[in-house]
Amino acid sequence: MAIDSANALTTLIEAKAWLAVNPAPDTTYDSVIEKLIDSVSWQFNSFTNRLLKGRAITGYYNGNGSDTFMTPEYPINSITSINIDSDREYGTDSLIDSDTYTYDSQGFIVLDSNTFSTSRQANKIVYDAGYTTIPYNLNVAALDQIKFLFRRHLNNQEGISTESTINGSVTVTEVGEMLTSSLEILKRYRRRDHV
């Protein structure tokens, strides 16, 4: 099984090092770790309600009639094109000149002399968004979550209520099988409502 590279928040090599699993050529747990990487990455996307890892996106959005729009996926890395077309044909006549808008990494697009249409899916935006480098705290949260699930798999346990630390054992509260520490980090990455 190959890792879903479009969504993976870590790599097999990095996860194996975090789990203290022997690196190549030992592949005993590779398929399990790959499944956990995919599962945790999708769990994080679902919880935050956004695609965290950078990718090309073609979105068809309802606007609010103003000159400002916030994309559901961010940070914006680049914009390829914007079409505003209430007929939803998206031809060259509805293409917005790239010199007439600005955008920031947080997902805000501001038009200089136009407004985003309120018609259903009239605003077509082709852009690249998401983290090209996964933030350290998000990466560690994913690795910790993978570690938690890997330990549970190895010990054939469902619903661990304690976690060992260097200084002993501490009680943790699991929310939907998510570590409290990972959950707290993910809350910072939850998608804002876009308009």
C-alpha atoms as a PDB file:
ATOM      1  CA  MET A   1       0.000   0.000   0.000  1.00  0.00           C
ATOM      2  CA  ALA A   2       1.260   3.455  -0.860  1.00  0.00           C
ATOM      3  CA  ILE A   3       0.689   6.514   1.298  1.00  0.00           C
ATOM      4  CA  ASP A   4      -1.868   9.049   0.059  1.00  0.00           C
ATOM      5  CA  SER A   5       0.770  11.671  -0.708  1.00  0.00           C
ATOM      6  CA  ALA A   6      -1.833  14.344  -1.493  1.00  0.00           C
ATOM      7  CA  ASN A   7      -2.955  14.357   2.149  1.00  0.00           C
ATOM      8  CA  ALA A   8      -0.157  12.789   4.219  1.00  0.00           C
ATOM      9  CA  LEU A   9       1.021  15.063   7.030  1.00  0.00           C
ATOM     10  CA  THR A  10       4.165  13.023   7.567  1.00  0.00           C
ATOM     11  CA  THR A  11       6.291  10.388   5.820  1.00  0.00           C
ATOM     12  CA  LEU A  12       6.862   6.717   6.489  1.00  0.00           C
ATOM     13  CA  ILE A  13      10.517   7.378   7.397  1.00  0.00           C
ATOM     14  CA  GLU A  14       9.580  10.148   9.819  1.00  0.00           C
ATOM     15  CA  ALA A  15       6.793   8.076  11.402  1.00  0.00           C
ATOM     16  CA  LYS A  16       9.060   5.039  11.845  1.00  0.00           C
ATOM     17  CA  ALA A  17      11.666   7.206  13.576  1.00  0.00           C
ATOM     18  CA  TRP A  18       8.957   8.696  15.859  1.00  0.00           C
ATOM     19  CA  LEU A  19       7.709   5.200  16.686  1.00  0.00           C
ATOM     20  CA  ALA A  20      11.260   3.897  17.236  1.00  0.00           C
ATOM     21  CA  VAL A  21      10.625   1.210  14.618  1.00  0.00           C
ATOM     22  CA  ASN A  22      13.669  -0.151  12.822  1.00  0.00           C
ATOM     23  CA  PRO A  23      14.191   1.660   9.515  1.00  0.00           C
ATOM     24  CA  ALA A  24      14.693  -0.075   6.159  1.00  0.00           C
ATOM     25  CA  PRO A  25      15.291  -2.831   5.312  1.00  0.00           C
ATOM     26  CA  ASP A  26      12.864  -3.898   8.115  1.00  0.00           C
ATOM     27  CA  THR A  27       9.392  -3.448   6.619  1.00  0.00           C
ATOM     28  CA  THR A  28       7.427  -5.507   9.177  1.00  0.00           C
ATOM     29  CA  TYR A  29       5.098  -2.668  10.170  1.00  0.00           C
ATOM     30  CA  ASP A  30       5.270  -0.511   7.049  1.00  0.00           C
ATOM     31  CA  SER A  31       1.761  -1.289   5.788  1.00  0.00           C
ATOM     32  CA  VAL A  32       0.252  -0.652   9.246  1.00  0.00           C
ATOM     33  CA  ILE A  33       2.126   2.650   9.612  1.00  0.00           C
ATOM     34  CA  GLU A  34       1.125   3.736   6.101  1.00  0.00           C
ATOM     35  CA  LYS A  35      -2.552   3.069   6.909  1.00  0.00           C
ATOM     36  CA  LEU A  36      -2.210   5.026  10.133  1.00  0.00           C
ATOM     37  CA  ILE A  37      -0.590   7.971   8.304  1.00  0.00           C
ATOM     38  CA  ASP A  38      -3.502   8.024   5.850  1.00  0.00           C
ATOM     39  CA  SER A  39      -6.106   7.606   8.586  1.00  0.00           C
ATOM     40  CA  VAL A  40      -4.699  10.333  10.829  1.00  0.00           C
ATOM     41  CA  SER A  41      -4.178  12.740   7.925  1.00  0.00           C
ATOM     42  CA  TRP A  42      -7.822  12.325   6.865  1.00  0.00           C
ATOM     43  CA  GLN A  43      -8.975  12.555  10.483  1.00  0.00           C
ATOM     44  CA  PHE A  44      -7.131  15.878  10.787  1.00  0.00           C
ATOM     45  CA  ASN A  45      -8.623  17.163   7.494  1.00  0.00           C
ATOM     46  CA  SER A  46     -12.096  16.171   8.677  1.00  0.00           C
ATOM     47  CA  PHE A  47     -11.711  17.752  12.107  1.00  0.00           C
ATOM     48  CA  THR A  48     -10.384  21.035  10.728  1.00  0.00           C
ATOM     49  CA  ASN A  49     -12.873  20.985   7.836  1.00  0.00           C
ATOM     50  CA  ARG A  50     -10.150  21.897   5.360  1.00  0.00           C
ATOM     51  CA  LEU A  51      -7.411  20.334   3.259  1.00  0.00           C
ATOM     52  CA  LEU A  52      -4.247  20.934   5.233  1.00  0.00           C
ATOM     53  CA  LYS A  53      -1.602  19.868   2.728  1.00  0.00           C
ATOM     54  CA  GLY A  54      -0.912  22.091  -0.279  1.00  0.00           C
ATOM     55  CA  ARG A  55      -2.536  21.226  -3.596  1.00  0.00           C
ATOM     56  CA  ALA A  56      -4.137  22.649  -6.726  1.00  0.00           C
ATOM     57  CA  ILE A  57      -7.834  23.401  -6.246  1.00  0.00           C
ATOM     58  CA  THR A  58     -10.578  24.361  -8.661  1.00  0.00           C
ATOM     59  CA  GLY A  59     -13.471  25.768  -6.649  1.00  0.00           C
ATOM     60  CA  TYR A  60     -16.905  26.947  -7.723  1.00  0.00           C
ATOM     61  CA  TYR A  61     -18.246  29.299  -5.068  1.00  0.00           C
ATOM     62  CA  ASN A  62     -21.249  31.420  -4.214  1.00  0.00           C
ATOM     63  CA  GLY A  63     -20.151  34.985  -3.575  1.00  0.00           C
ATOM     64  CA  ASN A  64     -21.600  37.633  -1.294  1.00  0.00           C
ATOM     65  CA  GLY A  65     -21.801  40.561  -3.727  1.00  0.00           C
ATOM     66  CA  SER A  66     -18.768  42.304  -2.220  1.00  0.00           C
ATOM     67  CA  ASP A  67     -15.258  42.835  -3.508  1.00  0.00           C
ATOM     68  CA  THR A  68     -13.846  40.436  -0.900  1.00  0.00           C
ATOM     69  CA  PHE A  69     -13.992  36.647  -0.773  1.00  0.00           C
ATOM     70  CA  MET A  70     -12.405  34.189   1.643  1.00  0.00           C
ATOM     71  CA  THR A  71     -11.567  30.814   0.156  1.00  0.00           C
ATOM     72  CA  PRO A  72     -12.388  27.690   2.183  1.00  0.00           C
ATOM     73  CA  GLU A  73      -8.869  26.353   1.651  1.00  0.00           C
ATOM     74  CA  TYR A  74      -5.846  28.309   2.814  1.00  0.00           C
ATOM     75  CA  PRO A  75      -3.131  29.449   3.034  1.00  0.00           C
ATOM     76  CA  ILE A  76      -3.295  30.571  -0.578  1.00  0.00           C
ATOM     77  CA  ASN A  77       0.042  29.933  -2.248  1.00  0.00           C
ATOM     78  CA  SER A  78      -0.918  31.212  -5.691  1.00  0.00           C
ATOM     79  CA  ILE A  79      -3.939  31.950  -7.880  1.00  0.00           C
ATOM     80  CA  THR A  80      -4.066  30.672 -11.441  1.00  0.00           C
ATOM     81  CA  SER A  81      -7.353  32.279 -12.470  1.00  0.00           C
ATOM     82  CA  ILE A  82     -10.619  33.800 -11.296  1.00  0.00           C
ATOM     83  CA  ASN A  83     -13.780  33.762 -13.386  1.00  0.00           C
ATOM     84  CA  ILE A  84     -16.977  35.518 -12.350  1.00  0.00           C
ATOM     85  CA  ASP A  85     -19.823  34.247 -14.498  1.00  0.00           C
ATOM     86  CA  SER A  86     -23.476  33.962 -13.420  1.00  0.00           C
ATOM     87  CA  ASP A  87     -24.083  31.779 -16.511  1.00  0.00           C
ATOM     88  CA  ARG A  88     -21.388  29.381 -15.247  1.00  0.00           C
ATOM     89  CA  GLU A  89     -19.673  29.085 -18.618  1.00  0.00           C
ATOM     90  CA  TYR A  90     -16.358  30.490 -17.294  1.00  0.00           C
ATOM     91  CA  GLY A  91     -15.107  31.641 -20.674  1.00  0.00           C
ATOM     92  CA  THR A  92     -12.329  34.118 -21.323  1.00  0.00           C
ATOM     93  CA  ASP A  93     -14.851  36.989 -21.251  1.00  0.00           C
ATOM     94  CA  SER A  94     -15.498  36.292 -17.538  1.00  0.00           C
ATOM     95  CA  LEU A  95     -11.817  35.988 -16.629  1.00  0.00           C
ATOM     96  CA  ILE A  96     -10.624  38.561 -14.079  1.00  0.00           C
ATOM     97  CA  ASP A  97      -7.295  40.174 -14.933  1.00  0.00           C
ATOM     98  CA  SER A  98      -4.646  39.164 -12.405  1.00  0.00           C
ATOM     99  CA  ASP A  99      -3.607  42.818 -12.107  1.00  0.00           C
ATOM    100  CA  THR A 100      -7.038  43.685 -10.681  1.00  0.00           C
ATOM    101  CA  TYR A 101      -7.034  41.596  -7.529  1.00  0.00           C
ATOM    102  CA  THR A 102      -4.846  40.886  -4.544  1.00  0.00           C
ATOM    103  CA  TYR A 103      -4.800  37.986  -2.111  1.00  0.00           C
ATOM    104  CA  ASP A 104      -3.120  37.027   1.102  1.00  0.00           C
ATOM    105  CA  SER A 105      -1.991  33.749   2.593  1.00  0.00           C
ATOM    106  CA  GLN A 106      -5.015  33.613   4.911  1.00  0.00           C
ATOM    107  CA  GLY A 107      -7.393  33.054   2.011  1.00  0.00           C
ATOM    108  CA  PHE A 108      -8.693  36.575   1.404  1.00  0.00           C
ATOM    109  CA  ILE A 109      -9.083  37.754  -2.193  1.00  0.00           C
ATOM    110  CA  VAL A 110      -9.866  41.426  -2.825  1.00  0.00           C
ATOM    111  CA  LEU A 111     -11.004  42.644  -6.238  1.00  0.00           C
ATOM    112  CA  ASP A 112     -10.022  46.175  -7.271  1.00  0.00           C
ATOM    113  CA  SER A 113     -12.938  47.023  -9.528  1.00  0.00           C
ATOM    114  CA  ASN A 114     -15.389  44.142  -9.426  1.00  0.00           C
ATOM    115  CA  THR A 115     -17.541  42.141  -7.015  1.00  0.00           C
ATOM    116  CA  PHE A 116     -18.012  38.431  -6.473  1.00  0.00           C
ATOM    117  CA  SER A 117     -21.331  37.270  -7.883  1.00  0.00           C
ATOM    118  CA  THR A 118     -24.097  36.107  -5.544  1.00  0.00           C
ATOM    119  CA  SER A 119     -25.285  33.632  -8.201  1.00  0.00           C
ATOM    120  CA  ARG A 120     -24.900  29.975  -7.377  1.00  0.00           C
ATOM    121  CA  GLN A 121     -21.339  28.770  -8.120  1.00  0.00           C
ATOM    122  CA  ALA A 122     -20.719  31.758 -10.365  1.00  0.00           C
ATOM    123  CA  ASN A 123     -17.224  32.373  -9.002  1.00  0.00           C
ATOM    124  CA  LYS A 124     -14.646  29.921 -10.301  1.00  0.00           C
ATOM    125  CA  ILE A 125     -11.272  30.171  -8.574  1.00  0.00           C
ATOM    126  CA  VAL A 126      -8.311  28.030  -9.619  1.00  0.00           C
ATOM    127  CA  TYR A 127      -5.662  28.262  -6.953  1.00  0.00           C
ATOM    128  CA  ASP A 128      -3.031  26.437  -4.955  1.00  0.00           C
ATOM    129  CA  ALA A 129      -3.724  26.297  -1.236  1.00  0.00           C
ATOM    130  CA  GLY A 130      -2.632  24.433   1.874  1.00  0.00           C
ATOM    131  CA  TYR A 131       0.661  24.052   3.641  1.00  0.00           C
ATOM    132  CA  THR A 132       3.596  23.332   1.351  1.00  0.00           C
ATOM    133  CA  THR A 133       5.601  22.697   4.524  1.00  0.00           C
ATOM    134  CA  ILE A 134       3.536  21.183   7.312  1.00  0.00           C
ATOM    135  CA  PRO A 135       3.802  23.372  10.445  1.00  0.00           C
ATOM    136  CA  TYR A 136       5.874  21.745  13.182  1.00  0.00           C
ATOM    137  CA  ASN A 137       3.097  21.562  15.748  1.00  0.00           C
ATOM    138  CA  LEU A 138       0.689  20.013  13.230  1.00  0.00           C
ATOM    139  CA  ASN A 139       3.322  17.499  12.168  1.00  0.00           C
ATOM    140  CA  VAL A 140       4.063  16.496  15.779  1.00  0.00           C
ATOM    141  CA  ALA A 141       0.333  16.231  16.548  1.00  0.00           C
ATOM    142  CA  ALA A 142      -0.031  13.820  13.607  1.00  0.00           C
ATOM    143  CA  LEU A 143       3.006  11.807  14.715  1.00  0.00           C
ATOM    144  CA  ASP A 144       1.706  11.610  18.305  1.00  0.00           C
ATOM    145  CA  GLN A 145      -1.706  10.480  17.071  1.00  0.00           C
ATOM    146  CA  ILE A 146      -0.079   7.834  14.861  1.00  0.00           C
ATOM    147  CA  LYS A 147       1.980   6.671  17.848  1.00  0.00           C
ATOM    148  CA  PHE A 148      -1.142   6.367  20.004  1.00  0.00           C
ATOM    149  CA  LEU A 149      -2.935   4.275  17.359  1.00  0.00           C
ATOM    150  CA  PHE A 150       0.163   2.197  16.629  1.00  0.00           C
ATOM    151  CA  ARG A 151       0.570   1.292  20.310  1.00  0.00           C
ATOM    152  CA  ARG A 152      -3.095   0.380  20.498  1.00  0.00           C
ATOM    153  CA  HIS A 153      -2.671  -1.825  17.432  1.00  0.00           C
ATOM    154  CA  LEU A 154       0.421  -3.557  18.813  1.00  0.00           C
ATOM    155  CA  ASN A 155      -1.219  -4.219  22.176  1.00  0.00           C
ATOM    156  CA  ASN A 156      -4.583  -5.104  20.628  1.00  0.00           C
ATOM    157  CA  GLN A 157      -6.253  -2.515  22.881  1.00  0.00           C
ATOM    158  CA  GLU A 158      -9.388  -0.513  22.318  1.00  0.00           C
ATOM    159  CA  GLY A 159      -9.701   2.825  24.107  1.00  0.00           C
ATOM    160  CA  ILE A 160      -6.521   3.418  26.106  1.00  0.00           C
ATOM    161  CA  SER A 161      -7.267   5.713  29.039  1.00  0.00           C
ATOM    162  CA  THR A 162      -3.709   6.293  30.236  1.00  0.00           C
ATOM    163  CA  GLU A 163      -0.507   7.163  28.518  1.00  0.00           C
ATOM    164  CA  SER A 164       3.015   6.573  29.803  1.00  0.00           C
ATOM    165  CA  THR A 165       5.446   9.424  30.078  1.00  0.00           C
ATOM    166  CA  ILE A 166       9.058   9.609  31.226  1.00  0.00           C
ATOM    167  CA  ASN A 167       7.954  10.582  34.741  1.00  0.00           C
ATOM    168  CA  GLY A 168       5.248   7.962  35.079  1.00  0.00           C
ATOM    169  CA  SER A 169       1.697   7.580  33.947  1.00  0.00           C
ATOM    170  CA  VAL A 170      -0.801  10.349  33.285  1.00  0.00           C
ATOM    171  CA  THR A 171      -4.478  10.136  32.528  1.00  0.00           C
ATOM    172  CA  VAL A 172      -5.579  11.490  29.196  1.00  0.00           C
ATOM    173  CA  THR A 173      -9.066  12.137  27.887  1.00  0.00           C
ATOM    174  CA  GLU A 174      -9.729  10.777  24.447  1.00  0.00           C
ATOM    175  CA  VAL A 175     -12.224  12.592  22.245  1.00  0.00           C
ATOM    176  CA  GLY A 176     -13.286  10.379  19.371  1.00  0.00           C
ATOM    177  CA  GLU A 177     -10.061   8.432  19.811  1.00  0.00           C
ATOM    178  CA  MET A 178      -8.035  11.612  19.422  1.00  0.00           C
ATOM    179  CA  LEU A 179      -5.315  12.539  21.898  1.00  0.00           C
ATOM    180  CA  THR A 180      -6.099  15.634  23.911  1.00  0.00           C
ATOM    181  CA  SER A 181      -2.774  17.190  22.915  1.00  0.00           C
ATOM    182  CA  SER A 182      -3.505  16.625  19.209  1.00  0.00           C
ATOM    183  CA  LEU A 183      -7.031  17.940  19.620  1.00  0.00           C
ATOM    184  CA  GLU A 184      -5.802  21.182  21.200  1.00  0.00           C
ATOM    185  CA  ILE A 185      -3.395  21.780  18.328  1.00  0.00           C
ATOM    186  CA  LEU A 186      -6.036  20.966  15.711  1.00  0.00           C
ATOM    187  CA  LYS A 187      -8.446  23.511  17.177  1.00  0.00           C
ATOM    188  CA  ARG A 188      -6.021  26.217  16.004  1.00  0.00           C
ATOM    189  CA  TYR A 189      -6.297  24.961  12.429  1.00  0.00           C
ATOM    190  CA  ARG A 190     -10.083  24.672  12.187  1.00  0.00           C
ATOM    191  CA  ARG A 191     -11.446  26.345   9.100  1.00  0.00           C
ATOM    192  CA  ARG A 192     -13.005  29.737   9.503  1.00  0.00           C
ATOM    193  CA  ASP A 193     -16.342  30.208   7.790  1.00  0.00           C
ATOM    194  CA  HIS A 194     -15.656  31.429   4.285  1.00  0.00           C
ATOM    195  CA  VAL A 195     -17.676  34.079   2.498  1.00  0.00           C
END
